[in-house]
Amino acid sequence: MDADRQRQVEGVLDTLRPWLRNDGGDVELVEISAEGKVSLRLTGACNGCAGAHSTMGDGIRMSLQMELPWVTDVVAVN
């Protein structure tokens, strides 16, 4: 994983973590592909919750792609 890209993604995730932690969850960066696909794992209460799809799509994906134009996709992994 490219260290600069990892640092950039973690910076955006750090702005979202308080929101996730309020609900008892968190997010973990798993991988960044050479093509810009970011793989994340929702943890804690966010893992498997009914709103996980919205959290990943409406919150995390949108924030990452707005802040980091090189991000081509954001996917959840288990």
PDB file of N, CA and C in Angstrom:
ATOM      1  N   MET A   1       0.859  -1.177   0.000  1.00  0.00           N
ATOM      2  CA  MET A   1       0.000   0.000   0.000  1.00  0.00           C
ATOM      3  C   MET A   1       0.903   1.237   0.000  1.00  0.00           C
ATOM      4  N   ASP A   2       0.632   2.150  -0.884  1.00  0.00           N
ATOM      5  CA  ASP A   2       1.384   3.395  -0.981  1.00  0.00           C
ATOM      6  C   ASP A   2       1.212   4.207   0.310  1.00  0.00           C
ATOM      7  N   ALA A   3       2.319   4.557   0.949  1.00  0.00           N
ATOM      8  CA  ALA A   3       2.265   5.238   2.249  1.00  0.00           C
ATOM      9  C   ALA A   3       1.575   6.599   2.168  1.00  0.00           C
ATOM     10  N   ASP A   4       1.790   7.327   1.087  1.00  0.00           N
ATOM     11  CA  ASP A   4       1.165   8.644   0.957  1.00  0.00           C
ATOM     12  C   ASP A   4      -0.347   8.514   0.807  1.00  0.00           C
ATOM     13  N   ARG A   5      -0.772   7.586  -0.028  1.00  0.00           N
ATOM     14  CA  ARG A   5      -2.210   7.364  -0.192  1.00  0.00           C
ATOM     15  C   ARG A   5      -2.840   6.842   1.096  1.00  0.00           C
ATOM     16  N   GLN A   6      -2.133   5.971   1.782  1.00  0.00           N
ATOM     17  CA  GLN A   6      -2.629   5.446   3.054  1.00  0.00           C
ATOM     18  C   GLN A   6      -2.832   6.590   4.050  1.00  0.00           C
ATOM     19  N   ARG A   7      -1.883   7.478   4.126  1.00  0.00           N
ATOM     20  CA  ARG A   7      -1.965   8.623   5.031  1.00  0.00           C
ATOM     21  C   ARG A   7      -3.153   9.527   4.662  1.00  0.00           C
ATOM     22  N   GLN A   8      -3.359   9.731   3.368  1.00  0.00           N
ATOM     23  CA  GLN A   8      -4.481  10.551   2.910  1.00  0.00           C
ATOM     24  C   GLN A   8      -5.826   9.925   3.289  1.00  0.00           C
ATOM     25  N   VAL A   9      -5.968   8.631   3.044  1.00  0.00           N
ATOM     26  CA  VAL A   9      -7.219   7.945   3.371  1.00  0.00           C
ATOM     27  C   VAL A   9      -7.449   7.963   4.878  1.00  0.00           C
ATOM     28  N   GLU A  10      -6.421   7.670   5.648  1.00  0.00           N
ATOM     29  CA  GLU A  10      -6.562   7.682   7.111  1.00  0.00           C
ATOM     30  C   GLU A  10      -6.959   9.072   7.607  1.00  0.00           C
ATOM     31  N   GLY A  11      -6.453  10.113   6.967  1.00  0.00           N
ATOM     32  CA  GLY A  11      -6.823  11.465   7.357  1.00  0.00           C
ATOM     33  C   GLY A  11      -8.312  11.730   7.171  1.00  0.00           C
ATOM     34  N   VAL A  12      -8.862  11.282   6.051  1.00  0.00           N
ATOM     35  CA  VAL A  12     -10.305  11.443   5.825  1.00  0.00           C
ATOM     36  C   VAL A  12     -11.082  10.571   6.807  1.00  0.00           C
ATOM     37  N   LEU A  13     -10.646   9.343   6.993  1.00  0.00           N
ATOM     38  CA  LEU A  13     -11.341   8.450   7.928  1.00  0.00           C
ATOM     39  C   LEU A  13     -11.335   9.013   9.341  1.00  0.00           C
ATOM     40  N   ASP A  14     -10.249   9.668   9.726  1.00  0.00           N
ATOM     41  CA  ASP A  14     -10.174  10.267  11.065  1.00  0.00           C
ATOM     42  C   ASP A  14     -11.245  11.331  11.273  1.00  0.00           C
ATOM     43  N   THR A  15     -11.648  12.019  10.202  1.00  0.00           N
ATOM     44  CA  THR A  15     -12.709  13.024  10.342  1.00  0.00           C
ATOM     45  C   THR A  15     -14.075  12.366  10.507  1.00  0.00           C
ATOM     46  N   LEU A  16     -14.212  11.121  10.053  1.00  0.00           N
ATOM     47  CA  LEU A  16     -15.480  10.398  10.128  1.00  0.00           C
ATOM     48  C   LEU A  16     -15.599   9.530  11.383  1.00  0.00           C
ATOM     49  N   ARG A  17     -14.477   9.191  11.983  1.00  0.00           N
ATOM     50  CA  ARG A  17     -14.493   8.267  13.124  1.00  0.00           C
ATOM     51  C   ARG A  17     -15.340   8.738  14.306  1.00  0.00           C
ATOM     52  N   PRO A  18     -15.348  10.013  14.663  1.00  0.00           N
ATOM     53  CA  PRO A  18     -16.211  10.410  15.790  1.00  0.00           C
ATOM     54  C   PRO A  18     -17.683  10.075  15.538  1.00  0.00           C
ATOM     55  N   TRP A  19     -18.125  10.261  14.316  1.00  0.00           N
ATOM     56  CA  TRP A  19     -19.501   9.941  13.925  1.00  0.00           C
ATOM     57  C   TRP A  19     -19.759   8.442  14.081  1.00  0.00           C
ATOM     58  N   LEU A  20     -18.818   7.604  13.621  1.00  0.00           N
ATOM     59  CA  LEU A  20     -18.961   6.153  13.748  1.00  0.00           C
ATOM     60  C   LEU A  20     -18.889   5.711  15.205  1.00  0.00           C
ATOM     61  N   ARG A  21     -17.981   6.280  15.948  1.00  0.00           N
ATOM     62  CA  ARG A  21     -17.792   5.891  17.355  1.00  0.00           C
ATOM     63  C   ARG A  21     -18.976   6.275  18.220  1.00  0.00           C
ATOM     64  N   ASN A  22     -19.704   7.315  17.829  1.00  0.00           N
ATOM     65  CA  ASN A  22     -20.926   7.668  18.566  1.00  0.00           C
ATOM     66  C   ASN A  22     -21.926   6.526  18.547  1.00  0.00           C
ATOM     67  N   ASP A  23     -21.879   5.715  17.500  1.00  0.00           N
ATOM     68  CA  ASP A  23     -22.780   4.567  17.378  1.00  0.00           C
ATOM     69  C   ASP A  23     -22.105   3.263  17.798  1.00  0.00           C
ATOM     70  N   GLY A  24     -20.924   3.353  18.392  1.00  0.00           N
ATOM     71  CA  GLY A  24     -20.230   2.157  18.874  1.00  0.00           C
ATOM     72  C   GLY A  24     -19.436   1.415  17.819  1.00  0.00           C
ATOM     73  N   GLY A  25     -19.120   2.078  16.713  1.00  0.00           N
ATOM     74  CA  GLY A  25     -18.385   1.419  15.640  1.00  0.00           C
ATOM     75  C   GLY A  25     -17.103   2.127  15.276  1.00  0.00           C
ATOM     76  N   ASP A  26     -16.495   1.653  14.220  1.00  0.00           N
ATOM     77  CA  ASP A  26     -15.275   2.254  13.694  1.00  0.00           C
ATOM     78  C   ASP A  26     -15.064   1.713  12.286  1.00  0.00           C
ATOM     79  N   VAL A  27     -13.996   2.152  11.641  1.00  0.00           N
ATOM     80  CA  VAL A  27     -13.661   1.691  10.297  1.00  0.00           C
ATOM     81  C   VAL A  27     -12.162   1.438  10.242  1.00  0.00           C
ATOM     82  N   GLU A  28     -11.796   0.394   9.519  1.00  0.00           N
ATOM     83  CA  GLU A  28     -10.394  -0.009   9.384  1.00  0.00           C
ATOM     84  C   GLU A  28     -10.029  -0.046   7.907  1.00  0.00           C
ATOM     85  N   LEU A  29      -8.925   0.582   7.556  1.00  0.00           N
ATOM     86  CA  LEU A  29      -8.402   0.532   6.190  1.00  0.00           C
ATOM     87  C   LEU A  29      -7.736  -0.820   5.980  1.00  0.00           C
ATOM     88  N   VAL A  30      -8.187  -1.549   4.952  1.00  0.00           N
ATOM     89  CA  VAL A  30      -7.646  -2.872   4.671  1.00  0.00           C
ATOM     90  C   VAL A  30      -6.643  -2.825   3.530  1.00  0.00           C
ATOM     91  N   GLU A  31      -7.013  -2.126   2.445  1.00  0.00           N
ATOM     92  CA  GLU A  31      -6.156  -2.129   1.261  1.00  0.00           C
ATOM     93  C   GLU A  31      -6.507  -0.955   0.350  1.00  0.00           C
ATOM     94  N   ILE A  32      -5.512  -0.508  -0.394  1.00  0.00           N
ATOM     95  CA  ILE A  32      -5.709   0.454  -1.470  1.00  0.00           C
ATOM     96  C   ILE A  32      -5.051  -0.158  -2.705  1.00  0.00           C
ATOM     97  N   SER A  33      -5.846  -0.386  -3.733  1.00  0.00           N
ATOM     98  CA  SER A  33      -5.287  -0.982  -4.954  1.00  0.00           C
ATOM     99  C   SER A  33      -4.548   0.083  -5.759  1.00  0.00           C
ATOM    100  N   ALA A  34      -3.754  -0.365  -6.703  1.00  0.00           N
ATOM    101  CA  ALA A  34      -3.026   0.547  -7.587  1.00  0.00           C
ATOM    102  C   ALA A  34      -3.983   1.406  -8.407  1.00  0.00           C
ATOM    103  N   GLU A  35      -5.198   0.889  -8.632  1.00  0.00           N
ATOM    104  CA  GLU A  35      -6.199   1.608  -9.418  1.00  0.00           C
ATOM    105  C   GLU A  35      -7.005   2.603  -8.597  1.00  0.00           C
ATOM    106  N   GLY A  36      -6.777   2.647  -7.276  1.00  0.00           N
ATOM    107  CA  GLY A  36      -7.481   3.597  -6.422  1.00  0.00           C
ATOM    108  C   GLY A  36      -8.709   3.046  -5.721  1.00  0.00           C
ATOM    109  N   LYS A  37      -8.881   1.745  -5.724  1.00  0.00           N
ATOM    110  CA  LYS A  37      -9.995   1.108  -5.009  1.00  0.00           C
ATOM    111  C   LYS A  37      -9.601   0.946  -3.542  1.00  0.00           C
ATOM    112  N   VAL A  38     -10.422   1.501  -2.657  1.00  0.00           N
ATOM    113  CA  VAL A  38     -10.147   1.473  -1.223  1.00  0.00           C
ATOM    114  C   VAL A  38     -11.044   0.416  -0.582  1.00  0.00           C
ATOM    115  N   SER A  39     -10.431  -0.536   0.107  1.00  0.00           N
ATOM    116  CA  SER A  39     -11.164  -1.586   0.812  1.00  0.00           C
ATOM    117  C   SER A  39     -11.142  -1.277   2.306  1.00  0.00           C
ATOM    118  N   LEU A  40     -12.331  -1.276   2.899  1.00  0.00           N
ATOM    119  CA  LEU A  40     -12.483  -0.931   4.308  1.00  0.00           C
ATOM    120  C   LEU A  40     -13.266  -2.005   5.039  1.00  0.00           C
ATOM    121  N   ARG A  41     -13.056  -2.099   6.338  1.00  0.00           N
ATOM    122  CA  ARG A  41     -13.807  -3.009   7.189  1.00  0.00           C
ATOM    123  C   ARG A  41     -14.489  -2.191   8.279  1.00  0.00           C
ATOM    124  N   LEU A  42     -15.806  -2.296   8.353  1.00  0.00           N
ATOM    125  CA  LEU A  42     -16.539  -1.674   9.458  1.00  0.00           C
ATOM    126  C   LEU A  42     -16.404  -2.584  10.664  1.00  0.00           C
ATOM    127  N   THR A  43     -16.155  -1.998  11.822  1.00  0.00           N
ATOM    128  CA  THR A  43     -15.941  -2.776  13.038  1.00  0.00           C
ATOM    129  C   THR A  43     -16.910  -2.337  14.131  1.00  0.00           C
ATOM    130  N   GLY A  44     -16.910  -3.090  15.218  1.00  0.00           N
ATOM    131  CA  GLY A  44     -17.786  -2.769  16.345  1.00  0.00           C
ATOM    132  C   GLY A  44     -19.240  -2.879  15.942  1.00  0.00           C
ATOM    133  N   ALA A  45     -20.040  -1.975  16.453  1.00  0.00           N
ATOM    134  CA  ALA A  45     -21.479  -1.994  16.185  1.00  0.00           C
ATOM    135  C   ALA A  45     -21.801  -1.765  14.717  1.00  0.00           C
ATOM    136  N   CYS A  46     -20.882  -1.176  13.956  1.00  0.00           N
ATOM    137  CA  CYS A  46     -21.124  -0.917  12.532  1.00  0.00           C
ATOM    138  C   CYS A  46     -21.016  -2.181  11.692  1.00  0.00           C
ATOM    139  N   ASN A  47     -20.300  -3.177  12.190  1.00  0.00           N
ATOM    140  CA  ASN A  47     -20.114  -4.416  11.453  1.00  0.00           C
ATOM    141  C   ASN A  47     -21.418  -5.202  11.438  1.00  0.00           C
ATOM    142  N   GLY A  48     -22.039  -5.262  10.277  1.00  0.00           N
ATOM    143  CA  GLY A  48     -23.257  -6.038  10.125  1.00  0.00           C
ATOM    144  C   GLY A  48     -24.538  -5.324  10.530  1.00  0.00           C
ATOM    145  N   CYS A  49     -24.465  -4.055  10.887  1.00  0.00           N
ATOM    146  CA  CYS A  49     -25.695  -3.355  11.272  1.00  0.00           C
ATOM    147  C   CYS A  49     -26.535  -3.068  10.044  1.00  0.00           C
ATOM    148  N   ALA A  50     -27.807  -2.807  10.262  1.00  0.00           N
ATOM    149  CA  ALA A  50     -28.735  -2.564   9.154  1.00  0.00           C
ATOM    150  C   ALA A  50     -28.349  -1.344   8.322  1.00  0.00           C
ATOM    151  N   GLY A  51     -27.695  -0.369   8.923  1.00  0.00           N
ATOM    152  CA  GLY A  51     -27.316   0.848   8.217  1.00  0.00           C
ATOM    153  C   GLY A  51     -25.922   0.813   7.620  1.00  0.00           C
ATOM    154  N   ALA A  52     -25.250  -0.332   7.654  1.00  0.00           N
ATOM    155  CA  ALA A  52     -23.861  -0.415   7.185  1.00  0.00           C
ATOM    156  C   ALA A  52     -23.732  -0.032   5.716  1.00  0.00           C
ATOM    157  N   HIS A  53     -24.681  -0.439   4.903  1.00  0.00           N
ATOM    158  CA  HIS A  53     -24.619  -0.107   3.471  1.00  0.00           C
ATOM    159  C   HIS A  53     -24.683   1.406   3.261  1.00  0.00           C
ATOM    160  N   SER A  54     -25.572   2.072   3.976  1.00  0.00           N
ATOM    161  CA  SER A  54     -25.683   3.533   3.874  1.00  0.00           C
ATOM    162  C   SER A  54     -24.454   4.223   4.443  1.00  0.00           C
ATOM    163  N   THR A  55     -23.950   3.702   5.548  1.00  0.00           N
ATOM    164  CA  THR A  55     -22.748   4.280   6.155  1.00  0.00           C
ATOM    165  C   THR A  55     -21.599   4.243   5.163  1.00  0.00           C
ATOM    166  N   MET A  56     -21.422   3.108   4.525  1.00  0.00           N
ATOM    167  CA  MET A  56     -20.313   2.954   3.591  1.00  0.00           C
ATOM    168  C   MET A  56     -20.538   3.812   2.350  1.00  0.00           C
ATOM    169  N   GLY A  57     -21.733   3.787   1.793  1.00  0.00           N
ATOM    170  CA  GLY A  57     -21.988   4.499   0.535  1.00  0.00           C
ATOM    171  C   GLY A  57     -22.201   5.976   0.707  1.00  0.00           C
ATOM    172  N   ASP A  58     -23.143   6.353   1.546  1.00  0.00           N
ATOM    173  CA  ASP A  58     -23.507   7.759   1.683  1.00  0.00           C
ATOM    174  C   ASP A  58     -22.514   8.550   2.517  1.00  0.00           C
ATOM    175  N   GLY A  59     -21.869   7.902   3.446  1.00  0.00           N
ATOM    176  CA  GLY A  59     -20.942   8.626   4.311  1.00  0.00           C
ATOM    177  C   GLY A  59     -19.500   8.486   3.888  1.00  0.00           C
ATOM    178  N   ILE A  60     -18.991   7.288   3.988  1.00  0.00           N
ATOM    179  CA  ILE A  60     -17.561   7.064   3.797  1.00  0.00           C
ATOM    180  C   ILE A  60     -17.147   7.206   2.333  1.00  0.00           C
ATOM    181  N   ARG A  61     -17.829   6.513   1.413  1.00  0.00           N
ATOM    182  CA  ARG A  61     -17.460   6.576  -0.003  1.00  0.00           C
ATOM    183  C   ARG A  61     -17.535   8.013  -0.520  1.00  0.00           C
ATOM    184  N   MET A  62     -18.629   8.674  -0.220  1.00  0.00           N
ATOM    185  CA  MET A  62     -18.801  10.038  -0.704  1.00  0.00           C
ATOM    186  C   MET A  62     -17.698  10.955  -0.174  1.00  0.00           C
ATOM    187  N   SER A  63     -17.377  10.844   1.100  1.00  0.00           N
ATOM    188  CA  SER A  63     -16.333  11.690   1.698  1.00  0.00           C
ATOM    189  C   SER A  63     -14.976  11.416   1.081  1.00  0.00           C
ATOM    190  N   LEU A  64     -14.626  10.142   0.929  1.00  0.00           N
ATOM    191  CA  LEU A  64     -13.329   9.809   0.347  1.00  0.00           C
ATOM    192  C   LEU A  64     -13.213  10.305  -1.090  1.00  0.00           C
ATOM    193  N   GLN A  65     -14.259  10.108  -1.887  1.00  0.00           N
ATOM    194  CA  GLN A  65     -14.176  10.516  -3.285  1.00  0.00           C
ATOM    195  C   GLN A  65     -14.216  12.032  -3.459  1.00  0.00           C
ATOM    196  N   MET A  66     -14.881  12.725  -2.547  1.00  0.00           N
ATOM    197  CA  MET A  66     -14.876  14.187  -2.622  1.00  0.00           C
ATOM    198  C   MET A  66     -13.512  14.748  -2.243  1.00  0.00           C
ATOM    199  N   GLU A  67     -12.877  14.176  -1.239  1.00  0.00           N
ATOM    200  CA  GLU A  67     -11.592  14.685  -0.746  1.00  0.00           C
ATOM    201  C   GLU A  67     -10.390  14.184  -1.543  1.00  0.00           C
ATOM    202  N   LEU A  68     -10.504  12.994  -2.088  1.00  0.00           N
ATOM    203  CA  LEU A  68      -9.368  12.361  -2.766  1.00  0.00           C
ATOM    204  C   LEU A  68      -9.797  11.919  -4.171  1.00  0.00           C
ATOM    205  N   PRO A  69      -9.592  12.753  -5.172  1.00  0.00           N
ATOM    206  CA  PRO A  69     -10.069  12.458  -6.530  1.00  0.00           C
ATOM    207  C   PRO A  69      -9.509  11.169  -7.132  1.00  0.00           C
ATOM    208  N   TRP A  70      -8.412  10.690  -6.620  1.00  0.00           N
ATOM    209  CA  TRP A  70      -7.829   9.447  -7.154  1.00  0.00           C
ATOM    210  C   TRP A  70      -8.567   8.197  -6.689  1.00  0.00           C
ATOM    211  N   VAL A  71      -9.454   8.316  -5.684  1.00  0.00           N
ATOM    212  CA  VAL A  71     -10.227   7.157  -5.196  1.00  0.00           C
ATOM    213  C   VAL A  71     -11.287   6.818  -6.249  1.00  0.00           C
ATOM    214  N   THR A  72     -11.180   5.619  -6.813  1.00  0.00           N
ATOM    215  CA  THR A  72     -12.109   5.192  -7.869  1.00  0.00           C
ATOM    216  C   THR A  72     -13.302   4.440  -7.324  1.00  0.00           C
ATOM    217  N   ASP A  73     -13.139   3.750  -6.171  1.00  0.00           N
ATOM    218  CA  ASP A  73     -14.223   2.988  -5.574  1.00  0.00           C
ATOM    219  C   ASP A  73     -13.896   2.742  -4.115  1.00  0.00           C
ATOM    220  N   VAL A  74     -14.941   2.495  -3.345  1.00  0.00           N
ATOM    221  CA  VAL A  74     -14.787   2.156  -1.935  1.00  0.00           C
ATOM    222  C   VAL A  74     -15.665   0.953  -1.674  1.00  0.00           C
ATOM    223  N   VAL A  75     -15.063  -0.109  -1.148  1.00  0.00           N
ATOM    224  CA  VAL A  75     -15.813  -1.343  -0.909  1.00  0.00           C
ATOM    225  C   VAL A  75     -15.625  -1.822   0.522  1.00  0.00           C
ATOM    226  N   ALA A  76     -16.649  -2.481   1.020  1.00  0.00           N
ATOM    227  CA  ALA A  76     -16.583  -3.081   2.360  1.00  0.00           C
ATOM    228  C   ALA A  76     -16.137  -4.522   2.245  1.00  0.00           C
ATOM    229  N   VAL A  77     -15.267  -4.923   3.143  1.00  0.00           N
ATOM    230  CA  VAL A  77     -14.837  -6.322   3.223  1.00  0.00           C
ATOM    231  C   VAL A  77     -15.106  -6.818   4.637  1.00  0.00           C
ATOM    232  N   ASN A  78     -15.264  -8.119   4.760  1.00  0.00           N
ATOM    233  CA  ASN A  78     -15.496  -8.719   6.088  1.00  0.00           C
ATOM    234  C   ASN A  78     -14.223  -9.239   6.694  1.00  0.00           C
TER     235      ASN A  78
END
